[in-house]
C-alpha atoms as a PDB file:
ATOM      1  CA  MET A   1       5.002 -57.521 -75.219  1.00  0.00           C
ATOM      2  CA  LEU A   2       4.780 -56.208 -72.168  1.00  0.00           C
ATOM      3  CA  LYS A   3       7.325 -54.546 -70.166  1.00  0.00           C
ATOM      4  CA  ASN A   4       8.108 -55.770 -66.776  1.00  0.00           C
ATOM      5  CA  PRO A   5       7.503 -53.355 -64.695  1.00  0.00           C
ATOM      6  CA  GLU A   6       9.560 -53.609 -61.792  1.00  0.00           C
ATOM      7  CA  ILE A   7      12.819 -52.270 -64.796  1.00  0.00           C
ATOM      8  CA  SER A   8       9.911 -50.064 -65.724  1.00  0.00           C
ATOM      9  CA  ILE A   9       9.513 -48.655 -61.668  1.00  0.00           C
ATOM     10  CA  LEU A  10      13.542 -49.173 -61.198  1.00  0.00           C
ATOM     11  CA  ASN A  11      14.228 -46.971 -64.994  1.00  0.00           C
ATOM     12  CA  SER A  12      11.869 -43.776 -63.880  1.00  0.00           C
ATOM     13  CA  LYS A  13      13.271 -43.669 -60.327  1.00  0.00           C
ATOM     14  CA  HIS A  14      17.088 -43.697 -61.849  1.00  0.00           C
ATOM     15  CA  GLU A  15      15.730 -40.408 -64.296  1.00  0.00           C
ATOM     16  CA  VAL A  16      14.365 -38.783 -61.329  1.00  0.00           C
ATOM     17  CA  ARG A  17      17.857 -39.108 -59.314  1.00  0.00           C
ATOM     18  CA  VAL A  18      19.339 -38.147 -62.346  1.00  0.00           C
ATOM     19  CA  ASN A  19      16.425 -34.957 -62.896  1.00  0.00           C
ATOM     20  CA  ILE A  20      18.123 -34.283 -59.056  1.00  0.00           C
ATOM     21  CA  ASN A  21      21.693 -34.111 -59.590  1.00  0.00           C
ATOM     22  CA  LEU A  22      21.177 -32.183 -62.097  1.00  0.00           C
ATOM     23  CA  SER A  23      19.115 -29.313 -60.653  1.00  0.00           C
ATOM     24  CA  ILE A  24      21.564 -29.845 -58.196  1.00  0.00           C
ATOM     25  CA  LYS A  25      24.380 -29.566 -60.143  1.00  0.00           C
ATOM     26  CA  LYS A  26      22.796 -26.413 -61.604  1.00  0.00           C
ATOM     27  CA  GLN A  27      22.418 -24.948 -58.240  1.00  0.00           C
ATOM     28  CA  ASP A  28      25.971 -25.031 -57.485  1.00  0.00           C
ATOM     29  CA  MET A  29      26.522 -23.316 -60.793  1.00  0.00           C
ATOM     30  CA  LEU A  30      24.939 -20.862 -59.641  1.00  0.00           C
ATOM     31  CA  SER A  31      25.773 -20.091 -56.212  1.00  0.00           C
ATOM     32  CA  TYR A  32      29.436 -20.256 -57.418  1.00  0.00           C
ATOM     33  CA  ASN A  33      28.913 -18.005 -59.996  1.00  0.00           C
ATOM     34  CA  TRP A  34      26.974 -15.533 -57.010  1.00  0.00           C
ATOM     35  CA  ILE A  35      30.455 -16.332 -55.025  1.00  0.00           C
ATOM     36  CA  GLY A  36      32.450 -15.183 -58.014  1.00  0.00           C
ATOM     37  CA  TYR A  37      30.532 -11.940 -59.286  1.00  0.00           C
ATOM     38  CA  CYS A  38      30.294 -10.685 -55.227  1.00  0.00           C
ATOM     39  CA  LYS A  39      34.133 -11.093 -54.648  1.00  0.00           C
ATOM     40  CA  HIS A  40      34.218  -8.976 -58.264  1.00  0.00           C
ATOM     41  CA  LYS A  41      31.963  -6.765 -57.708  1.00  0.00           C
ATOM     42  CA  ARG A  42      33.716  -6.776 -53.988  1.00  0.00           C
ATOM     43  CA  ILE A  43      29.903  -6.837 -52.244  1.00  0.00           C
ATOM     44  CA  CYS A  44      30.484  -9.563 -49.836  1.00  0.00           C
END
C-alpha cells in the first residue's frame, strides 16, 4: 500500500520545521548562557 504523497510531503515539512525550532532554541540557550557568563565575569 502506497502512502499518500501529499501526506508524506506535509510530514517532511513538519519535521523540517521542528528541526528549525529546535536549533533556534539551542541558539537561544547558548546566547542566554553566554550573557549570563559574561555578566558573571563582568566582561560585557
